[in-house]
Amino acid sequence: MVTIEFETEKQCRNCFSQLKTSLETFAELKKEVLLTLSENNTNIHIVFSRNSREKRMNTISILAAVMSNFTLKRYLPVWLEEVVRGRFFYEEAGEAEAIIELAGELLAGEHREISLENSLPALQRTLYSHFYTVLNEADRFSYASFILFRLREMKNDLTECVEWAIDEYKMEQEYQTMVEACREYLRDNPPMFDSVHVNLDDEPVSFFDEEGSQFSQSKILGLLDDEVTFDGSLPVSERIISPLVSMAPGQVNLYCSGKEDEGYVIRTLMAIFEERVTFYSDPYRQQQ
């Protein structure tokens, strides 16, 4: 028999319920293990049948997986917060919460451009291994002590993720600041053109005025306002945001096929120009 000790009745009952529910889905396992609560509802007793070692190991494997998921669900946000506040000293609630949310997204693989060494599946495997070992070797253990001991290791594993999240958070803050600066520029400056047509699929991207005349690179360079610095580090031929903002057109007509690499540009133009943006799927030249 293995006994898991908990500090609170609520935590014990929650874990017990999770284990019972998971075991109920495996009819054969119900014959291999008996789960009971202590009288004070702070201990879970796990009694294994006297069947083969292979069946016992299979049961322990499932119990370890359930315990890992239970632990990550309840403690991962806490661990992330301790890393964000304790190691990187982000004390302001809004900042800390935003970074923790970003870190959770990174761990879950929602940002495909960033590959973490310690992803959520990797953390699950690590916890699973620890739970499997303790369930297989110990007769009794404290869940709180187990978590406290493993927390040091998990904090180190989560540091990489939090560092990425902080970088992403800072870049997003800078992005939002520049978007707002562009909006203010549009509010403060009258339109140079009633409308501008933009073929995003062209290489380089091509711009046309309301009469269908294409802007040359020298014309675009002459229109650029030094006050608009959104993509100022790029060569003129690769700039899209700053030429359009400098022109401050009353209407922006975007022509694109929806390629994945256009997503950032479209998102940014919509954030800046808002209701001024209209989309078309065919290139502008084909409509002349």
C-alpha atoms as a PDB file:
ATOM      1  CA  MET A   1       0.000   0.000   0.000  1.00  0.00           C
ATOM      2  CA  VAL A   2       1.086   3.572  -0.741  1.00  0.00           C
ATOM      3  CA  THR A   3      -0.198   6.521   1.296  1.00  0.00           C
ATOM      4  CA  ILE A   4      -0.095  10.069  -0.050  1.00  0.00           C
ATOM      5  CA  GLU A   5      -0.330  12.740   2.638  1.00  0.00           C
ATOM      6  CA  PHE A   6      -1.889  16.143   1.886  1.00  0.00           C
ATOM      7  CA  GLU A   7      -1.886  19.358   3.890  1.00  0.00           C
ATOM      8  CA  THR A   8      -5.537  20.208   3.250  1.00  0.00           C
ATOM      9  CA  GLU A   9      -8.725  18.238   2.922  1.00  0.00           C
ATOM     10  CA  LYS A  10      -9.686  20.135  -0.241  1.00  0.00           C
ATOM     11  CA  GLN A  11      -6.473  19.283  -2.036  1.00  0.00           C
ATOM     12  CA  CYS A  12      -6.730  15.661  -0.974  1.00  0.00           C
ATOM     13  CA  ARG A  13     -10.323  15.346  -2.171  1.00  0.00           C
ATOM     14  CA  ASN A  14      -9.518  17.003  -5.505  1.00  0.00           C
ATOM     15  CA  CYS A  15      -6.656  14.621  -6.164  1.00  0.00           C
ATOM     16  CA  PHE A  16      -8.698  11.618  -5.030  1.00  0.00           C
ATOM     17  CA  SER A  17     -11.523  12.596  -7.380  1.00  0.00           C
ATOM     18  CA  GLN A  18      -9.092  12.957 -10.291  1.00  0.00           C
ATOM     19  CA  LEU A  19      -7.547   9.541  -9.621  1.00  0.00           C
ATOM     20  CA  LYS A  20     -10.946   7.833  -9.237  1.00  0.00           C
ATOM     21  CA  THR A  21     -12.293   9.381 -12.431  1.00  0.00           C
ATOM     22  CA  SER A  22      -9.253   8.339 -14.428  1.00  0.00           C
ATOM     23  CA  LEU A  23      -9.279   4.787 -13.108  1.00  0.00           C
ATOM     24  CA  GLU A  24     -12.989   4.462 -13.878  1.00  0.00           C
ATOM     25  CA  THR A  25     -12.157   4.743 -17.578  1.00  0.00           C
ATOM     26  CA  PHE A  26     -10.014   1.598 -17.368  1.00  0.00           C
ATOM     27  CA  ALA A  27     -12.227  -1.328 -16.438  1.00  0.00           C
ATOM     28  CA  GLU A  28      -9.316  -3.714 -15.949  1.00  0.00           C
ATOM     29  CA  LEU A  29      -7.505  -1.343 -13.612  1.00  0.00           C
ATOM     30  CA  LYS A  30     -10.433  -1.241 -11.214  1.00  0.00           C
ATOM     31  CA  LYS A  31      -9.506  -4.816 -10.339  1.00  0.00           C
ATOM     32  CA  GLU A  32      -5.863  -3.932  -9.810  1.00  0.00           C
ATOM     33  CA  VAL A  33      -6.062  -1.066  -7.335  1.00  0.00           C
ATOM     34  CA  LEU A  34      -8.249   0.196  -4.504  1.00  0.00           C
ATOM     35  CA  LEU A  35      -8.340   3.899  -3.626  1.00  0.00           C
ATOM     36  CA  THR A  36      -9.605   5.071  -0.239  1.00  0.00           C
ATOM     37  CA  LEU A  37      -9.597   8.264   1.809  1.00  0.00           C
ATOM     38  CA  SER A  38      -8.502   8.433   5.431  1.00  0.00           C
ATOM     39  CA  GLU A  39     -11.057   9.394   8.074  1.00  0.00           C
ATOM     40  CA  ASN A  40      -9.758  12.960   8.255  1.00  0.00           C
ATOM     41  CA  ASN A  41      -9.764  13.235   4.420  1.00  0.00           C
ATOM     42  CA  THR A  42      -6.107  14.261   4.221  1.00  0.00           C
ATOM     43  CA  ASN A  43      -4.586  10.951   3.102  1.00  0.00           C
ATOM     44  CA  ILE A  44      -5.131   8.822   0.012  1.00  0.00           C
ATOM     45  CA  HIS A  45      -4.460   5.100   0.423  1.00  0.00           C
ATOM     46  CA  ILE A  46      -3.558   3.146  -2.709  1.00  0.00           C
ATOM     47  CA  VAL A  47      -3.839  -0.618  -2.305  1.00  0.00           C
ATOM     48  CA  PHE A  48      -2.531  -2.775  -5.142  1.00  0.00           C
ATOM     49  CA  SER A  49      -3.775  -6.281  -5.870  1.00  0.00           C
ATOM     50  CA  ARG A  50      -1.378  -9.209  -5.623  1.00  0.00           C
ATOM     51  CA  ASN A  51      -1.342  -9.810  -9.353  1.00  0.00           C
ATOM     52  CA  SER A  52       1.723  -9.786 -11.587  1.00  0.00           C
ATOM     53  CA  ARG A  53       4.426  -7.145 -11.347  1.00  0.00           C
ATOM     54  CA  GLU A  54       3.665  -6.142 -14.931  1.00  0.00           C
ATOM     55  CA  LYS A  55       0.077  -5.226 -14.019  1.00  0.00           C
ATOM     56  CA  ARG A  56       1.270  -3.334 -10.953  1.00  0.00           C
ATOM     57  CA  MET A  57       3.723  -1.328 -13.071  1.00  0.00           C
ATOM     58  CA  ASN A  58       0.991  -0.551 -15.577  1.00  0.00           C
ATOM     59  CA  THR A  59      -1.258   0.703 -12.771  1.00  0.00           C
ATOM     60  CA  ILE A  60       1.525   2.832 -11.300  1.00  0.00           C
ATOM     61  CA  SER A  61       2.199   4.268 -14.750  1.00  0.00           C
ATOM     62  CA  ILE A  62      -1.390   5.486 -15.052  1.00  0.00           C
ATOM     63  CA  LEU A  63      -1.430   6.824 -11.491  1.00  0.00           C
ATOM     64  CA  ALA A  64       1.820   8.712 -12.158  1.00  0.00           C
ATOM     65  CA  ALA A  65       0.384  10.241 -15.326  1.00  0.00           C
ATOM     66  CA  VAL A  66      -2.742  11.390 -13.478  1.00  0.00           C
ATOM     67  CA  MET A  67      -0.700  12.837 -10.620  1.00  0.00           C
ATOM     68  CA  SER A  68       1.519  14.685 -13.097  1.00  0.00           C
ATOM     69  CA  ASN A  69      -1.435  16.277 -14.853  1.00  0.00           C
ATOM     70  CA  PHE A  70      -3.101  17.113 -11.532  1.00  0.00           C
ATOM     71  CA  THR A  71       0.085  18.783 -10.288  1.00  0.00           C
ATOM     72  CA  LEU A  72       0.819  20.802 -13.424  1.00  0.00           C
ATOM     73  CA  LYS A  73      -2.758  22.040 -13.648  1.00  0.00           C
ATOM     74  CA  ARG A  74      -2.632  23.393 -10.105  1.00  0.00           C
ATOM     75  CA  TYR A  75       1.001  24.379  -9.681  1.00  0.00           C
ATOM     76  CA  LEU A  76       2.321  25.484 -13.069  1.00  0.00           C
ATOM     77  CA  PRO A  77       0.800  29.000 -12.796  1.00  0.00           C
ATOM     78  CA  VAL A  78       2.167  29.247  -9.242  1.00  0.00           C
ATOM     79  CA  TRP A  79       5.641  28.141 -10.317  1.00  0.00           C
ATOM     80  CA  LEU A  80       5.646  30.560 -13.246  1.00  0.00           C
ATOM     81  CA  GLU A  81       4.621  33.400 -10.966  1.00  0.00           C
ATOM     82  CA  GLU A  82       7.408  32.575  -8.508  1.00  0.00           C
ATOM     83  CA  VAL A  83       9.964  32.654 -11.339  1.00  0.00           C
ATOM     84  CA  VAL A  84       8.575  35.899 -12.796  1.00  0.00           C
ATOM     85  CA  ARG A  85       8.441  37.684  -9.445  1.00  0.00           C
ATOM     86  CA  GLY A  86      11.276  35.975  -7.574  1.00  0.00           C
ATOM     87  CA  ARG A  87      13.948  35.690 -10.262  1.00  0.00           C
ATOM     88  CA  PHE A  88      13.078  38.546 -12.606  1.00  0.00           C
ATOM     89  CA  PHE A  89      11.499  40.909 -10.054  1.00  0.00           C
ATOM     90  CA  TYR A  90       8.339  41.821 -11.952  1.00  0.00           C
ATOM     91  CA  GLU A  91       6.143  43.027  -9.112  1.00  0.00           C
ATOM     92  CA  GLU A  92       3.499  45.062 -10.955  1.00  0.00           C
ATOM     93  CA  ALA A  93       0.413  42.841 -11.216  1.00  0.00           C
ATOM     94  CA  GLY A  94      -0.483  43.633 -14.809  1.00  0.00           C
ATOM     95  CA  GLU A  95       3.033  43.021 -16.112  1.00  0.00           C
ATOM     96  CA  ALA A  96       3.497  39.799 -14.129  1.00  0.00           C
ATOM     97  CA  GLU A  97       0.132  38.401 -15.268  1.00  0.00           C
ATOM     98  CA  ALA A  98       0.844  39.206 -18.922  1.00  0.00           C
ATOM     99  CA  ILE A  99       4.258  37.496 -18.769  1.00  0.00           C
ATOM    100  CA  ILE A 100       2.812  34.437 -16.991  1.00  0.00           C
ATOM    101  CA  GLU A 101       0.107  34.148 -19.648  1.00  0.00           C
ATOM    102  CA  LEU A 102       2.700  34.406 -22.416  1.00  0.00           C
ATOM    103  CA  ALA A 103       4.889  31.799 -20.710  1.00  0.00           C
ATOM    104  CA  GLY A 104       1.924  29.412 -20.557  1.00  0.00           C
ATOM    105  CA  GLU A 105       1.319  29.904 -24.279  1.00  0.00           C
ATOM    106  CA  LEU A 106       4.987  29.259 -25.042  1.00  0.00           C
ATOM    107  CA  LEU A 107       5.006  26.063 -22.974  1.00  0.00           C
ATOM    108  CA  ALA A 108       1.886  24.856 -24.787  1.00  0.00           C
ATOM    109  CA  GLY A 109       3.561  25.418 -28.168  1.00  0.00           C
ATOM    110  CA  GLU A 110       1.204  28.193 -29.284  1.00  0.00           C
ATOM    111  CA  HIS A 111       4.147  30.219 -30.626  1.00  0.00           C
ATOM    112  CA  ARG A 112       5.578  27.907 -33.264  1.00  0.00           C
ATOM    113  CA  GLU A 113       8.448  30.249 -34.071  1.00  0.00           C
ATOM    114  CA  ILE A 114       9.910  29.623 -30.595  1.00  0.00           C
ATOM    115  CA  SER A 115      11.231  26.176 -29.683  1.00  0.00           C
ATOM    116  CA  LEU A 116      11.746  25.502 -25.984  1.00  0.00           C
ATOM    117  CA  GLU A 117      14.015  22.857 -24.556  1.00  0.00           C
ATOM    118  CA  ASN A 118      11.645  22.502 -21.591  1.00  0.00           C
ATOM    119  CA  SER A 119       8.208  22.480 -23.211  1.00  0.00           C
ATOM    120  CA  LEU A 120       5.013  21.385 -21.478  1.00  0.00           C
ATOM    121  CA  PRO A 121       5.374  17.762 -22.701  1.00  0.00           C
ATOM    122  CA  ALA A 122       8.937  17.750 -21.370  1.00  0.00           C
ATOM    123  CA  LEU A 123       7.774  19.024 -17.974  1.00  0.00           C
ATOM    124  CA  GLN A 124       5.039  16.382 -17.952  1.00  0.00           C
ATOM    125  CA  ARG A 125       7.589  13.660 -18.666  1.00  0.00           C
ATOM    126  CA  THR A 126       9.846  14.898 -15.867  1.00  0.00           C
ATOM    127  CA  LEU A 127       7.053  14.981 -13.302  1.00  0.00           C
ATOM    128  CA  TYR A 128       5.737  11.625 -14.517  1.00  0.00           C
ATOM    129  CA  SER A 129       9.164  10.071 -13.953  1.00  0.00           C
ATOM    130  CA  HIS A 130       9.346  11.431 -10.402  1.00  0.00           C
ATOM    131  CA  PHE A 131       5.838  10.290  -9.499  1.00  0.00           C
ATOM    132  CA  TYR A 132       6.426   6.881 -11.060  1.00  0.00           C
ATOM    133  CA  THR A 133       9.557   6.427  -8.937  1.00  0.00           C
ATOM    134  CA  VAL A 134       7.996   7.521  -5.650  1.00  0.00           C
ATOM    135  CA  LEU A 135       4.816   5.481  -6.191  1.00  0.00           C
ATOM    136  CA  ASN A 136       6.895   2.435  -6.994  1.00  0.00           C
ATOM    137  CA  GLU A 137       9.423   2.739  -4.171  1.00  0.00           C
ATOM    138  CA  ALA A 138       7.756   4.536  -1.240  1.00  0.00           C
ATOM    139  CA  ASP A 139       5.143   3.265   1.201  1.00  0.00           C
ATOM    140  CA  ARG A 140       4.207   6.797   2.258  1.00  0.00           C
ATOM    141  CA  PHE A 141       5.111  10.280   1.081  1.00  0.00           C
ATOM    142  CA  SER A 142       4.036  13.862   1.633  1.00  0.00           C
ATOM    143  CA  TYR A 143       2.639  15.528  -1.453  1.00  0.00           C
ATOM    144  CA  ALA A 144       3.683  18.989  -0.148  1.00  0.00           C
ATOM    145  CA  SER A 145       7.254  17.846   0.496  1.00  0.00           C
ATOM    146  CA  PHE A 146       7.389  16.194  -2.915  1.00  0.00           C
ATOM    147  CA  ILE A 147       6.271  19.444  -4.586  1.00  0.00           C
ATOM    148  CA  LEU A 148       8.653  21.574  -2.523  1.00  0.00           C
ATOM    149  CA  PHE A 149      11.616  19.367  -3.369  1.00  0.00           C
ATOM    150  CA  ARG A 150      10.791  19.242  -7.077  1.00  0.00           C
ATOM    151  CA  LEU A 151      10.019  22.971  -7.225  1.00  0.00           C
ATOM    152  CA  ARG A 152      13.697  23.905  -7.290  1.00  0.00           C
ATOM    153  CA  GLU A 153      14.248  21.710 -10.322  1.00  0.00           C
ATOM    154  CA  MET A 154      11.067  22.944 -12.041  1.00  0.00           C
ATOM    155  CA  LYS A 155      12.018  26.593 -11.460  1.00  0.00           C
ATOM    156  CA  ASN A 156      15.266  26.018 -13.321  1.00  0.00           C
ATOM    157  CA  ASP A 157      13.384  24.310 -16.150  1.00  0.00           C
ATOM    158  CA  LEU A 158      10.901  27.204 -16.365  1.00  0.00           C
ATOM    159  CA  THR A 159      13.508  29.974 -16.389  1.00  0.00           C
ATOM    160  CA  GLU A 160      14.173  29.586 -20.125  1.00  0.00           C
ATOM    161  CA  CYS A 161      10.471  29.864 -20.878  1.00  0.00           C
ATOM    162  CA  VAL A 162      10.013  32.951 -18.706  1.00  0.00           C
ATOM    163  CA  GLU A 163      13.019  34.636 -20.344  1.00  0.00           C
ATOM    164  CA  TRP A 164      11.396  34.116 -23.749  1.00  0.00           C
ATOM    165  CA  ALA A 165       8.069  35.365 -22.404  1.00  0.00           C
ATOM    166  CA  ILE A 166       9.689  38.532 -21.059  1.00  0.00           C
ATOM    167  CA  ASP A 167      11.326  39.187 -24.437  1.00  0.00           C
ATOM    168  CA  GLU A 168       7.992  38.648 -26.191  1.00  0.00           C
ATOM    169  CA  TYR A 169       6.238  40.911 -23.696  1.00  0.00           C
ATOM    170  CA  LYS A 170       8.761  43.706 -24.201  1.00  0.00           C
ATOM    171  CA  MET A 171       8.505  43.432 -27.984  1.00  0.00           C
ATOM    172  CA  GLU A 172       4.715  43.517 -27.798  1.00  0.00           C
ATOM    173  CA  GLN A 173       4.856  46.615 -25.600  1.00  0.00           C
ATOM    174  CA  GLU A 174       7.192  48.324 -28.072  1.00  0.00           C
ATOM    175  CA  TYR A 175       4.922  47.232 -30.928  1.00  0.00           C
ATOM    176  CA  GLN A 176       1.831  48.684 -29.246  1.00  0.00           C
ATOM    177  CA  THR A 177       3.674  51.930 -28.522  1.00  0.00           C
ATOM    178  CA  MET A 178       4.639  52.290 -32.183  1.00  0.00           C
ATOM    179  CA  VAL A 179       1.116  51.423 -33.357  1.00  0.00           C
ATOM    180  CA  GLU A 180      -0.302  54.138 -31.124  1.00  0.00           C
ATOM    181  CA  ALA A 181       2.303  56.610 -32.382  1.00  0.00           C
ATOM    182  CA  CYS A 182       1.187  55.866 -35.955  1.00  0.00           C
ATOM    183  CA  ARG A 183      -2.457  56.369 -35.017  1.00  0.00           C
ATOM    184  CA  GLU A 184      -1.608  59.736 -33.496  1.00  0.00           C
ATOM    185  CA  TYR A 185       0.259  60.674 -36.684  1.00  0.00           C
ATOM    186  CA  LEU A 186      -2.841  59.890 -38.763  1.00  0.00           C
ATOM    187  CA  ARG A 187      -4.992  61.982 -36.437  1.00  0.00           C
ATOM    188  CA  ASP A 188      -2.599  64.929 -36.622  1.00  0.00           C
ATOM    189  CA  ASN A 189      -1.869  64.905 -40.376  1.00  0.00           C
ATOM    190  CA  PRO A 190      -4.325  65.346 -43.293  1.00  0.00           C
ATOM    191  CA  PRO A 191      -4.352  62.686 -46.055  1.00  0.00           C
ATOM    192  CA  MET A 192      -1.923  63.162 -48.929  1.00  0.00           C
ATOM    193  CA  PHE A 193      -4.099  60.855 -51.030  1.00  0.00           C
ATOM    194  CA  ASP A 194      -7.766  59.919 -50.947  1.00  0.00           C
ATOM    195  CA  SER A 195      -6.831  56.256 -51.384  1.00  0.00           C
ATOM    196  CA  VAL A 196      -3.769  54.085 -51.923  1.00  0.00           C
ATOM    197  CA  HIS A 197      -3.704  50.578 -53.449  1.00  0.00           C
ATOM    198  CA  VAL A 198      -1.136  48.078 -52.149  1.00  0.00           C
ATOM    199  CA  ASN A 199      -0.211  44.759 -53.781  1.00  0.00           C
ATOM    200  CA  LEU A 200       1.208  42.757 -50.879  1.00  0.00           C
ATOM    201  CA  ASP A 201       2.040  39.755 -53.076  1.00  0.00           C
ATOM    202  CA  ASP A 202       4.454  41.755 -55.248  1.00  0.00           C
ATOM    203  CA  GLU A 203       8.185  41.636 -54.519  1.00  0.00           C
ATOM    204  CA  PRO A 204       8.872  44.308 -53.573  1.00  0.00           C
ATOM    205  CA  VAL A 205       5.397  45.379 -52.468  1.00  0.00           C
ATOM    206  CA  SER A 206       3.923  47.869 -54.955  1.00  0.00           C
ATOM    207  CA  PHE A 207       1.925  51.025 -54.178  1.00  0.00           C
ATOM    208  CA  PHE A 208      -0.526  52.846 -56.478  1.00  0.00           C
ATOM    209  CA  ASP A 209      -2.329  56.148 -56.049  1.00  0.00           C
ATOM    210  CA  GLU A 210      -6.080  56.616 -56.571  1.00  0.00           C
ATOM    211  CA  GLU A 211      -5.558  57.137 -60.312  1.00  0.00           C
ATOM    212  CA  GLY A 212      -3.634  53.888 -60.771  1.00  0.00           C
ATOM    213  CA  SER A 213      -0.136  55.337 -61.056  1.00  0.00           C
ATOM    214  CA  GLN A 214       2.517  53.244 -59.365  1.00  0.00           C
ATOM    215  CA  PHE A 215       4.796  54.924 -56.837  1.00  0.00           C
ATOM    216  CA  SER A 216       8.473  54.654 -57.735  1.00  0.00           C
ATOM    217  CA  GLN A 217      11.034  53.949 -55.025  1.00  0.00           C
ATOM    218  CA  SER A 218      12.299  57.517 -55.292  1.00  0.00           C
ATOM    219  CA  LYS A 219       8.730  58.832 -54.936  1.00  0.00           C
ATOM    220  CA  ILE A 220       8.200  56.697 -51.818  1.00  0.00           C
ATOM    221  CA  LEU A 221      11.519  57.882 -50.381  1.00  0.00           C
ATOM    222  CA  GLY A 222      10.443  61.490 -50.919  1.00  0.00           C
ATOM    223  CA  LEU A 223       7.141  60.898 -49.152  1.00  0.00           C
ATOM    224  CA  LEU A 224       8.635  59.262 -46.058  1.00  0.00           C
ATOM    225  CA  ASP A 225       8.312  61.347 -42.929  1.00  0.00           C
ATOM    226  CA  ASP A 226      11.197  60.980 -40.478  1.00  0.00           C
ATOM    227  CA  GLU A 227       8.636  61.122 -37.686  1.00  0.00           C
ATOM    228  CA  VAL A 228       7.322  57.704 -38.767  1.00  0.00           C
ATOM    229  CA  THR A 229       9.906  55.121 -37.668  1.00  0.00           C
ATOM    230  CA  PHE A 230       7.871  51.890 -37.507  1.00  0.00           C
ATOM    231  CA  ASP A 231       9.959  49.919 -40.027  1.00  0.00           C
ATOM    232  CA  GLY A 232      12.687  52.528 -40.425  1.00  0.00           C
ATOM    233  CA  SER A 233      15.492  49.975 -40.067  1.00  0.00           C
ATOM    234  CA  LEU A 234      14.491  48.250 -43.337  1.00  0.00           C
ATOM    235  CA  PRO A 235      15.607  49.275 -46.838  1.00  0.00           C
ATOM    236  CA  VAL A 236      13.064  51.555 -48.539  1.00  0.00           C
ATOM    237  CA  SER A 237      12.132  48.773 -50.986  1.00  0.00           C
ATOM    238  CA  GLU A 238      11.018  46.559 -48.055  1.00  0.00           C
ATOM    239  CA  ARG A 239       9.061  49.136 -46.100  1.00  0.00           C
ATOM    240  CA  ILE A 240       5.281  48.901 -46.043  1.00  0.00           C
ATOM    241  CA  ILE A 241       4.068  50.492 -42.816  1.00  0.00           C
ATOM    242  CA  SER A 242       6.025  53.765 -42.822  1.00  0.00           C
ATOM    243  CA  PRO A 243       5.248  54.726 -46.446  1.00  0.00           C
ATOM    244  CA  LEU A 244       1.524  54.192 -45.894  1.00  0.00           C
ATOM    245  CA  VAL A 245       1.454  56.063 -42.598  1.00  0.00           C
ATOM    246  CA  SER A 246       3.464  58.918 -44.122  1.00  0.00           C
ATOM    247  CA  MET A 247       0.912  59.157 -46.946  1.00  0.00           C
ATOM    248  CA  ALA A 248      -1.921  59.084 -44.400  1.00  0.00           C
ATOM    249  CA  PRO A 249      -4.450  58.006 -47.066  1.00  0.00           C
ATOM    250  CA  GLY A 250      -8.178  58.235 -46.427  1.00  0.00           C
ATOM    251  CA  GLN A 251      -8.563  54.646 -47.676  1.00  0.00           C
ATOM    252  CA  VAL A 252      -6.058  51.760 -47.798  1.00  0.00           C
ATOM    253  CA  ASN A 253      -6.903  49.030 -50.315  1.00  0.00           C
ATOM    254  CA  LEU A 254      -4.921  45.862 -49.664  1.00  0.00           C
ATOM    255  CA  TYR A 255      -4.594  43.198 -52.359  1.00  0.00           C
ATOM    256  CA  CYS A 256      -3.282  39.874 -51.066  1.00  0.00           C
ATOM    257  CA  SER A 257      -3.686  36.122 -51.434  1.00  0.00           C
ATOM    258  CA  GLY A 258      -3.466  35.481 -47.712  1.00  0.00           C
ATOM    259  CA  LYS A 259       0.074  34.092 -47.514  1.00  0.00           C
ATOM    260  CA  GLU A 260       1.151  33.255 -43.973  1.00  0.00           C
ATOM    261  CA  ASP A 261       4.061  35.713 -43.960  1.00  0.00           C
ATOM    262  CA  GLU A 262       1.645  38.582 -44.659  1.00  0.00           C
ATOM    263  CA  GLY A 263      -0.157  38.080 -41.343  1.00  0.00           C
ATOM    264  CA  TYR A 264       2.028  40.438 -39.326  1.00  0.00           C
ATOM    265  CA  VAL A 265       1.761  43.246 -41.896  1.00  0.00           C
ATOM    266  CA  ILE A 266      -2.016  42.881 -42.220  1.00  0.00           C
ATOM    267  CA  ARG A 267      -2.464  42.798 -38.443  1.00  0.00           C
ATOM    268  CA  THR A 268      -0.381  45.943 -38.090  1.00  0.00           C
ATOM    269  CA  LEU A 269      -2.125  47.854 -40.884  1.00  0.00           C
ATOM    270  CA  MET A 270      -5.527  46.969 -39.436  1.00  0.00           C
ATOM    271  CA  ALA A 271      -4.399  48.096 -35.979  1.00  0.00           C
ATOM    272  CA  ILE A 272      -3.171  51.435 -37.359  1.00  0.00           C
ATOM    273  CA  PHE A 273      -5.701  52.278 -40.070  1.00  0.00           C
ATOM    274  CA  GLU A 274      -8.675  50.419 -38.577  1.00  0.00           C
ATOM    275  CA  GLU A 275     -11.841  51.139 -40.619  1.00  0.00           C
ATOM    276  CA  ARG A 276      -9.808  52.699 -43.436  1.00  0.00           C
ATOM    277  CA  VAL A 277      -8.618  49.241 -44.602  1.00  0.00           C
ATOM    278  CA  THR A 278     -10.369  47.226 -47.335  1.00  0.00           C
ATOM    279  CA  PHE A 279      -9.196  43.809 -48.575  1.00  0.00           C
ATOM    280  CA  TYR A 280      -9.197  42.338 -52.083  1.00  0.00           C
ATOM    281  CA  SER A 281      -7.980  38.899 -53.132  1.00  0.00           C
ATOM    282  CA  ASP A 282      -6.883  39.723 -56.706  1.00  0.00           C
ATOM    283  CA  PRO A 283      -3.861  41.901 -57.573  1.00  0.00           C
ATOM    284  CA  TYR A 284      -4.679  45.538 -58.261  1.00  0.00           C
ATOM    285  CA  ARG A 285      -3.193  45.572 -61.789  1.00  0.00           C
ATOM    286  CA  GLN A 286      -5.669  42.908 -62.954  1.00  0.00           C
ATOM    287  CA  GLN A 287      -8.538  45.263 -62.207  1.00  0.00           C
ATOM    288  CA  GLN A 288      -7.374  48.092 -64.488  1.00  0.00           C
END
